[in-house]
């Protein structure tokens, strides 16, 4: 017999401080950040074709970066 029922868990999940603390603990767990980034990046890649405004934001950020501009210029003049 369990003392905790589904509605108890649902109520606990409505506690912002508790949920924030749990989220921080999950993210601080070794390997979780890497896996989370992998999962999100994969989902983003799946949706890039249907998100022209997001692609524009990426391109705008890249073009605004001096490092990207140097890299682009180097690739344009590279013989390979």
PDB file of N, CA and C in Angstrom:
ATOM      1  N   UNK A   1       0.846  -1.184   0.000  1.00  0.00           N
ATOM      2  CA  UNK A   1       0.000   0.000   0.000  1.00  0.00           C
ATOM      3  C   UNK A   1       0.884   1.237   0.000  1.00  0.00           C
ATOM      4  N   UNK A   2       0.598   2.138  -0.902  1.00  0.00           N
ATOM      5  CA  UNK A   2       1.367   3.370  -1.005  1.00  0.00           C
ATOM      6  C   UNK A   2       0.604   4.513  -0.346  1.00  0.00           C
ATOM      7  N   UNK A   3       1.318   5.298   0.399  1.00  0.00           N
ATOM      8  CA  UNK A   3       0.700   6.463   1.040  1.00  0.00           C
ATOM      9  C   UNK A   3       0.499   7.614   0.060  1.00  0.00           C
ATOM     10  N   UNK A   4       1.252   7.591  -1.038  1.00  0.00           N
ATOM     11  CA  UNK A   4       1.195   8.671  -2.019  1.00  0.00           C
ATOM     12  C   UNK A   4       0.327   8.238  -3.198  1.00  0.00           C
ATOM     13  N   UNK A   5      -0.584   9.107  -3.587  1.00  0.00           N
ATOM     14  CA  UNK A   5      -1.465   8.833  -4.721  1.00  0.00           C
ATOM     15  C   UNK A   5      -1.159   9.824  -5.829  1.00  0.00           C
ATOM     16  N   UNK A   6      -1.715   9.557  -7.014  1.00  0.00           N
ATOM     17  CA  UNK A   6      -1.443  10.405  -8.176  1.00  0.00           C
ATOM     18  C   UNK A   6      -1.770  11.871  -7.918  1.00  0.00           C
ATOM     19  N   UNK A   7      -2.862  12.136  -7.240  1.00  0.00           N
ATOM     20  CA  UNK A   7      -3.233  13.533  -6.988  1.00  0.00           C
ATOM     21  C   UNK A   7      -2.243  14.220  -6.044  1.00  0.00           C
ATOM     22  N   UNK A   8      -1.594  13.422  -5.170  1.00  0.00           N
ATOM     23  CA  UNK A   8      -0.565  13.988  -4.299  1.00  0.00           C
ATOM     24  C   UNK A   8       0.631  14.459  -5.125  1.00  0.00           C
ATOM     25  N   UNK A   9       1.023  13.627  -6.069  1.00  0.00           N
ATOM     26  CA  UNK A   9       2.138  13.974  -6.943  1.00  0.00           C
ATOM     27  C   UNK A   9       1.764  15.186  -7.802  1.00  0.00           C
ATOM     28  N   UNK A  10       0.553  15.201  -8.324  1.00  0.00           N
ATOM     29  CA  UNK A  10       0.099  16.336  -9.128  1.00  0.00           C
ATOM     30  C   UNK A  10       0.144  17.625  -8.318  1.00  0.00           C
ATOM     31  N   UNK A  11      -0.258  17.547  -7.050  1.00  0.00           N
ATOM     32  CA  UNK A  11      -0.230  18.725  -6.182  1.00  0.00           C
ATOM     33  C   UNK A  11       1.215  19.178  -5.938  1.00  0.00           C
ATOM     34  N   UNK A  12       2.107  18.217  -5.690  1.00  0.00           N
ATOM     35  CA  UNK A  12       3.510  18.559  -5.480  1.00  0.00           C
ATOM     36  C   UNK A  12       4.123  19.207  -6.717  1.00  0.00           C
ATOM     37  N   UNK A  13       3.697  18.749  -7.889  1.00  0.00           N
ATOM     38  CA  UNK A  13       4.230  19.302  -9.129  1.00  0.00           C
ATOM     39  C   UNK A  13       3.769  20.737  -9.364  1.00  0.00           C
ATOM     40  N   UNK A  14       2.810  21.197  -8.595  1.00  0.00           N
ATOM     41  CA  UNK A  14       2.337  22.575  -8.687  1.00  0.00           C
ATOM     42  C   UNK A  14       3.131  23.521  -7.779  1.00  0.00           C
ATOM     43  N   UNK A  15       4.076  22.982  -7.020  1.00  0.00           N
ATOM     44  CA  UNK A  15       4.907  23.774  -6.117  1.00  0.00           C
ATOM     45  C   UNK A  15       6.139  24.278  -6.881  1.00  0.00           C
ATOM     46  N   UNK A  16       6.171  25.566  -7.241  1.00  0.00           N
ATOM     47  CA  UNK A  16       7.270  26.090  -8.067  1.00  0.00           C
ATOM     48  C   UNK A  16       8.660  25.903  -7.448  1.00  0.00           C
ATOM     49  N   UNK A  17       8.789  26.142  -6.160  1.00  0.00           N
ATOM     50  CA  UNK A  17      10.103  26.015  -5.525  1.00  0.00           C
ATOM     51  C   UNK A  17      10.602  24.574  -5.573  1.00  0.00           C
ATOM     52  N   UNK A  18       9.727  23.635  -5.298  1.00  0.00           N
ATOM     53  CA  UNK A  18      10.095  22.219  -5.339  1.00  0.00           C
ATOM     54  C   UNK A  18      10.498  21.823  -6.753  1.00  0.00           C
ATOM     55  N   UNK A  19       9.702  22.216  -7.729  1.00  0.00           N
ATOM     56  CA  UNK A  19       9.984  21.839  -9.107  1.00  0.00           C
ATOM     57  C   UNK A  19      11.285  22.470  -9.598  1.00  0.00           C
ATOM     58  N   UNK A  20      11.565  23.710  -9.183  1.00  0.00           N
ATOM     59  CA  UNK A  20      12.824  24.362  -9.557  1.00  0.00           C
ATOM     60  C   UNK A  20      14.007  23.613  -8.958  1.00  0.00           C
ATOM     61  N   UNK A  21      13.883  23.219  -7.690  1.00  0.00           N
ATOM     62  CA  UNK A  21      14.958  22.481  -7.031  1.00  0.00           C
ATOM     63  C   UNK A  21      15.188  21.121  -7.702  1.00  0.00           C
ATOM     64  N   UNK A  22      14.116  20.446  -8.056  1.00  0.00           N
ATOM     65  CA  UNK A  22      14.242  19.156  -8.737  1.00  0.00           C
ATOM     66  C   UNK A  22      14.876  19.343 -10.113  1.00  0.00           C
ATOM     67  N   UNK A  23      14.456  20.371 -10.839  1.00  0.00           N
ATOM     68  CA  UNK A  23      15.016  20.636 -12.166  1.00  0.00           C
ATOM     69  C   UNK A  23      16.512  20.903 -12.077  1.00  0.00           C
ATOM     70  N   UNK A  24      16.924  21.690 -11.094  1.00  0.00           N
ATOM     71  CA  UNK A  24      18.355  21.974 -10.917  1.00  0.00           C
ATOM     72  C   UNK A  24      19.122  20.700 -10.600  1.00  0.00           C
ATOM     73  N   UNK A  25      18.564  19.859  -9.749  1.00  0.00           N
ATOM     74  CA  UNK A  25      19.230  18.604  -9.393  1.00  0.00           C
ATOM     75  C   UNK A  25      19.359  17.693 -10.607  1.00  0.00           C
ATOM     76  N   UNK A  26      18.342  17.645 -11.431  1.00  0.00           N
ATOM     77  CA  UNK A  26      18.396  16.810 -12.634  1.00  0.00           C
ATOM     78  C   UNK A  26      19.479  17.321 -13.568  1.00  0.00           C
ATOM     79  N   UNK A  27      19.522  18.628 -13.779  1.00  0.00           N
ATOM     80  CA  UNK A  27      20.497  19.220 -14.688  1.00  0.00           C
ATOM     81  C   UNK A  27      21.915  19.057 -14.146  1.00  0.00           C
ATOM     82  N   UNK A  28      22.076  19.085 -12.831  1.00  0.00           N
ATOM     83  CA  UNK A  28      23.402  18.924 -12.224  1.00  0.00           C
ATOM     84  C   UNK A  28      23.896  17.477 -12.226  1.00  0.00           C
ATOM     85  N   UNK A  29      23.043  16.542 -12.584  1.00  0.00           N
ATOM     86  CA  UNK A  29      23.432  15.136 -12.634  1.00  0.00           C
ATOM     87  C   UNK A  29      24.378  14.924 -13.818  1.00  0.00           C
ATOM     88  N   UNK A  30      25.534  14.285 -13.589  1.00  0.00           N
ATOM     89  CA  UNK A  30      26.507  14.099 -14.678  1.00  0.00           C
ATOM     90  C   UNK A  30      25.867  13.458 -15.917  1.00  0.00           C
ATOM     91  N   UNK A  31      26.167  14.046 -17.046  1.00  0.00           N
ATOM     92  CA  UNK A  31      25.690  13.503 -18.314  1.00  0.00           C
ATOM     93  C   UNK A  31      24.332  14.015 -18.750  1.00  0.00           C
ATOM     94  N   UNK A  32      23.540  14.538 -17.825  1.00  0.00           N
ATOM     95  CA  UNK A  32      22.187  14.972 -18.173  1.00  0.00           C
ATOM     96  C   UNK A  32      22.219  16.190 -19.089  1.00  0.00           C
ATOM     97  N   UNK A  33      23.098  17.164 -18.798  1.00  0.00           N
ATOM     98  CA  UNK A  33      23.173  18.366 -19.642  1.00  0.00           C
ATOM     99  C   UNK A  33      23.524  17.993 -21.078  1.00  0.00           C
ATOM    100  N   UNK A  34      24.498  17.116 -21.227  1.00  0.00           N
ATOM    101  CA  UNK A  34      24.917  16.680 -22.561  1.00  0.00           C
ATOM    102  C   UNK A  34      23.765  15.985 -23.286  1.00  0.00           C
ATOM    103  N   UNK A  35      23.079  15.095 -22.591  1.00  0.00           N
ATOM    104  CA  UNK A  35      21.959  14.370 -23.196  1.00  0.00           C
ATOM    105  C   UNK A  35      20.815  15.323 -23.534  1.00  0.00           C
ATOM    106  N   UNK A  36      20.538  16.261 -22.644  1.00  0.00           N
ATOM    107  CA  UNK A  36      19.479  17.240 -22.886  1.00  0.00           C
ATOM    108  C   UNK A  36      19.801  18.087 -24.108  1.00  0.00           C
ATOM    109  N   UNK A  37      21.052  18.538 -24.199  1.00  0.00           N
ATOM    110  CA  UNK A  37      21.464  19.328 -25.365  1.00  0.00           C
ATOM    111  C   UNK A  37      21.350  18.502 -26.644  1.00  0.00           C
ATOM    112  N   UNK A  38      21.759  17.235 -26.592  1.00  0.00           N
ATOM    113  CA  UNK A  38      21.633  16.360 -27.756  1.00  0.00           C
ATOM    114  C   UNK A  38      20.175  16.209 -28.186  1.00  0.00           C
ATOM    115  N   UNK A  39      19.304  15.966 -27.216  1.00  0.00           N
ATOM    116  CA  UNK A  39      17.880  15.775 -27.513  1.00  0.00           C
ATOM    117  C   UNK A  39      17.261  17.032 -28.122  1.00  0.00           C
ATOM    118  N   UNK A  40      17.556  18.170 -27.527  1.00  0.00           N
ATOM    119  CA  UNK A  40      16.987  19.426 -28.027  1.00  0.00           C
ATOM    120  C   UNK A  40      17.547  19.759 -29.402  1.00  0.00           C
ATOM    121  N   UNK A  41      18.858  19.577 -29.583  1.00  0.00           N
ATOM    122  CA  UNK A  41      19.470  19.861 -30.885  1.00  0.00           C
ATOM    123  C   UNK A  41      18.860  18.978 -31.974  1.00  0.00           C
ATOM    124  N   UNK A  42      18.641  17.719 -31.658  1.00  0.00           N
ATOM    125  CA  UNK A  42      18.041  16.805 -32.633  1.00  0.00           C
ATOM    126  C   UNK A  42      16.634  17.262 -33.017  1.00  0.00           C
ATOM    127  N   UNK A  43      15.848  17.662 -32.019  1.00  0.00           N
ATOM    128  CA  UNK A  43      14.497  18.145 -32.301  1.00  0.00           C
ATOM    129  C   UNK A  43      14.532  19.440 -33.111  1.00  0.00           C
ATOM    130  N   UNK A  44      15.463  20.337 -32.781  1.00  0.00           N
ATOM    131  CA  UNK A  44      15.593  21.575 -33.547  1.00  0.00           C
ATOM    132  C   UNK A  44      15.923  21.259 -35.001  1.00  0.00           C
ATOM    133  N   UNK A  45      16.861  20.351 -35.223  1.00  0.00           N
ATOM    134  CA  UNK A  45      17.234  19.992 -36.585  1.00  0.00           C
ATOM    135  C   UNK A  45      16.034  19.467 -37.367  1.00  0.00           C
ATOM    136  N   UNK A  46      15.192  18.701 -36.696  1.00  0.00           N
ATOM    137  CA  UNK A  46      14.003  18.141 -37.357  1.00  0.00           C
ATOM    138  C   UNK A  46      13.032  19.226 -37.810  1.00  0.00           C
ATOM    139  N   UNK A  47      13.051  20.376 -37.156  1.00  0.00           N
ATOM    140  CA  UNK A  47      12.074  21.427 -37.438  1.00  0.00           C
ATOM    141  C   UNK A  47      12.651  22.628 -38.201  1.00  0.00           C
ATOM    142  N   UNK A  48      13.937  22.628 -38.490  1.00  0.00           N
ATOM    143  CA  UNK A  48      14.546  23.784 -39.155  1.00  0.00           C
ATOM    144  C   UNK A  48      13.949  24.067 -40.531  1.00  0.00           C
ATOM    145  N   UNK A  49      13.608  23.033 -41.270  1.00  0.00           N
ATOM    146  CA  UNK A  49      13.053  23.242 -42.612  1.00  0.00           C
ATOM    147  C   UNK A  49      11.738  24.001 -42.576  1.00  0.00           C
ATOM    148  N   UNK A  50      10.995  23.857 -41.508  1.00  0.00           N
ATOM    149  CA  UNK A  50       9.695  24.525 -41.409  1.00  0.00           C
ATOM    150  C   UNK A  50       9.748  25.757 -40.508  1.00  0.00           C
ATOM    151  N   UNK A  51      10.955  26.268 -40.245  1.00  0.00           N
ATOM    152  CA  UNK A  51      11.091  27.438 -39.365  1.00  0.00           C
ATOM    153  C   UNK A  51      12.028  28.471 -39.986  1.00  0.00           C
ATOM    154  N   UNK A  52      11.567  29.144 -41.049  1.00  0.00           N
ATOM    155  CA  UNK A  52      12.451  30.105 -41.718  1.00  0.00           C
ATOM    156  C   UNK A  52      12.887  31.258 -40.809  1.00  0.00           C
ATOM    157  N   UNK A  53      12.036  31.656 -39.869  1.00  0.00           N
ATOM    158  CA  UNK A  53      12.418  32.758 -38.983  1.00  0.00           C
ATOM    159  C   UNK A  53      13.558  32.348 -38.047  1.00  0.00           C
ATOM    160  N   UNK A  54      13.583  31.090 -37.641  1.00  0.00           N
ATOM    161  CA  UNK A  54      14.673  30.606 -36.795  1.00  0.00           C
ATOM    162  C   UNK A  54      15.970  30.527 -37.594  1.00  0.00           C
ATOM    163  N   UNK A  55      15.888  30.027 -38.839  1.00  0.00           N
ATOM    164  CA  UNK A  55      17.083  29.988 -39.696  1.00  0.00           C
ATOM    165  C   UNK A  55      17.630  31.381 -39.909  1.00  0.00           C
ATOM    166  N   UNK A  56      16.743  32.360 -40.090  1.00  0.00           N
ATOM    167  CA  UNK A  56      17.184  33.746 -40.256  1.00  0.00           C
ATOM    168  C   UNK A  56      17.902  34.243 -39.013  1.00  0.00           C
ATOM    169  N   UNK A  57      17.387  33.912 -37.841  1.00  0.00           N
ATOM    170  CA  UNK A  57      18.061  34.309 -36.596  1.00  0.00           C
ATOM    171  C   UNK A  57      19.454  33.704 -36.508  1.00  0.00           C
ATOM    172  N   UNK A  58      19.589  32.449 -36.909  1.00  0.00           N
ATOM    173  CA  UNK A  58      20.897  31.799 -36.890  1.00  0.00           C
ATOM    174  C   UNK A  58      21.850  32.490 -37.856  1.00  0.00           C
ATOM    175  N   UNK A  59      21.371  32.744 -39.061  1.00  0.00           N
ATOM    176  CA  UNK A  59      22.228  33.416 -40.053  1.00  0.00           C
ATOM    177  C   UNK A  59      22.593  34.826 -39.606  1.00  0.00           C
ATOM    178  N   UNK A  60      21.648  35.563 -39.064  1.00  0.00           N
ATOM    179  CA  UNK A  60      21.935  36.918 -38.583  1.00  0.00           C
ATOM    180  C   UNK A  60      22.980  36.901 -37.473  1.00  0.00           C
ATOM    181  N   UNK A  61      22.853  35.945 -36.561  1.00  0.00           N
ATOM    182  CA  UNK A  61      23.828  35.836 -35.466  1.00  0.00           C
ATOM    183  C   UNK A  61      25.202  35.464 -36.012  1.00  0.00           C
ATOM    184  N   UNK A  62      25.236  34.566 -36.978  1.00  0.00           N
ATOM    185  CA  UNK A  62      26.517  34.160 -37.560  1.00  0.00           C
ATOM    186  C   UNK A  62      27.185  35.332 -38.272  1.00  0.00           C
ATOM    187  N   UNK A  63      26.426  36.046 -39.087  1.00  0.00           N
ATOM    188  CA  UNK A  63      26.985  37.159 -39.848  1.00  0.00           C
ATOM    189  C   UNK A  63      27.458  38.284 -38.913  1.00  0.00           C
ATOM    190  N   UNK A  64      26.841  38.432 -37.780  1.00  0.00           N
ATOM    191  CA  UNK A  64      27.240  39.458 -36.819  1.00  0.00           C
ATOM    192  C   UNK A  64      28.511  39.083 -36.057  1.00  0.00           C
ATOM    193  N   UNK A  65      28.923  37.830 -36.169  1.00  0.00           N
ATOM    194  CA  UNK A  65      30.091  37.345 -35.431  1.00  0.00           C
ATOM    195  C   UNK A  65      31.376  37.546 -36.235  1.00  0.00           C
ATOM    196  N   UNK A  66      32.330  38.322 -35.690  1.00  0.00           N
ATOM    197  CA  UNK A  66      33.614  38.490 -36.387  1.00  0.00           C
ATOM    198  C   UNK A  66      34.325  37.151 -36.617  1.00  0.00           C
ATOM    199  N   UNK A  67      34.192  36.234 -35.675  1.00  0.00           N
ATOM    200  CA  UNK A  67      34.820  34.924 -35.817  1.00  0.00           C
ATOM    201  C   UNK A  67      34.231  34.184 -37.029  1.00  0.00           C
ATOM    202  N   UNK A  68      32.904  34.257 -37.196  1.00  0.00           N
ATOM    203  CA  UNK A  68      32.272  33.597 -38.337  1.00  0.00           C
ATOM    204  C   UNK A  68      32.707  34.255 -39.645  1.00  0.00           C
ATOM    205  N   UNK A  69      32.774  35.573 -39.653  1.00  0.00           N
ATOM    206  CA  UNK A  69      33.184  36.279 -40.871  1.00  0.00           C
ATOM    207  C   UNK A  69      34.584  35.868 -41.296  1.00  0.00           C
ATOM    208  N   UNK A  70      35.507  35.759 -40.331  1.00  0.00           N
ATOM    209  CA  UNK A  70      36.872  35.316 -40.637  1.00  0.00           C
ATOM    210  C   UNK A  70      36.856  33.896 -41.182  1.00  0.00           C
ATOM    211  N   UNK A  71      36.101  33.025 -40.534  1.00  0.00           N
ATOM    212  CA  UNK A  71      36.013  31.633 -40.965  1.00  0.00           C
ATOM    213  C   UNK A  71      35.430  31.536 -42.369  1.00  0.00           C
ATOM    214  N   UNK A  72      34.393  32.298 -42.649  1.00  0.00           N
ATOM    215  CA  UNK A  72      33.770  32.292 -43.967  1.00  0.00           C
ATOM    216  C   UNK A  72      34.751  32.782 -45.029  1.00  0.00           C
ATOM    217  N   UNK A  73      35.461  33.882 -44.735  1.00  0.00           N
ATOM    218  CA  UNK A  73      36.445  34.409 -45.689  1.00  0.00           C
ATOM    219  C   UNK A  73      37.540  33.383 -45.945  1.00  0.00           C
ATOM    220  N   UNK A  74      38.005  32.720 -44.900  1.00  0.00           N
ATOM    221  CA  UNK A  74      39.054  31.708 -45.059  1.00  0.00           C
ATOM    222  C   UNK A  74      38.560  30.554 -45.921  1.00  0.00           C
ATOM    223  N   UNK A  75      37.327  30.147 -45.724  1.00  0.00           N
ATOM    224  CA  UNK A  75      36.782  29.038 -46.512  1.00  0.00           C
ATOM    225  C   UNK A  75      36.577  29.446 -47.982  1.00  0.00           C
ATOM    226  N   UNK A  76      36.273  30.714 -48.199  1.00  0.00           N
ATOM    227  CA  UNK A  76      36.079  31.183 -49.576  1.00  0.00           C
ATOM    228  C   UNK A  76      37.396  31.195 -50.359  1.00  0.00           C
ATOM    229  N   UNK A  77      38.494  31.476 -49.679  1.00  0.00           N
ATOM    230  CA  UNK A  77      39.774  31.541 -50.378  1.00  0.00           C
ATOM    231  C   UNK A  77      40.544  30.233 -50.292  1.00  0.00           C
ATOM    232  N   UNK A  78      40.075  29.275 -49.545  1.00  0.00           N
ATOM    233  CA  UNK A  78      40.742  27.983 -49.412  1.00  0.00           C
ATOM    234  C   UNK A  78      40.645  27.231 -50.728  1.00  0.00           C
ATOM    235  N   UNK A  79      41.743  26.630 -51.137  1.00  0.00           N
ATOM    236  CA  UNK A  79      41.796  25.908 -52.413  1.00  0.00           C
ATOM    237  C   UNK A  79      41.155  24.533 -52.347  1.00  0.00           C
ATOM    238  N   UNK A  80      40.964  23.988 -51.165  1.00  0.00           N
ATOM    239  CA  UNK A  80      40.433  22.619 -51.046  1.00  0.00           C
ATOM    240  C   UNK A  80      38.995  22.551 -51.311  1.00  0.00           C
TER     241      UNK A  80
END
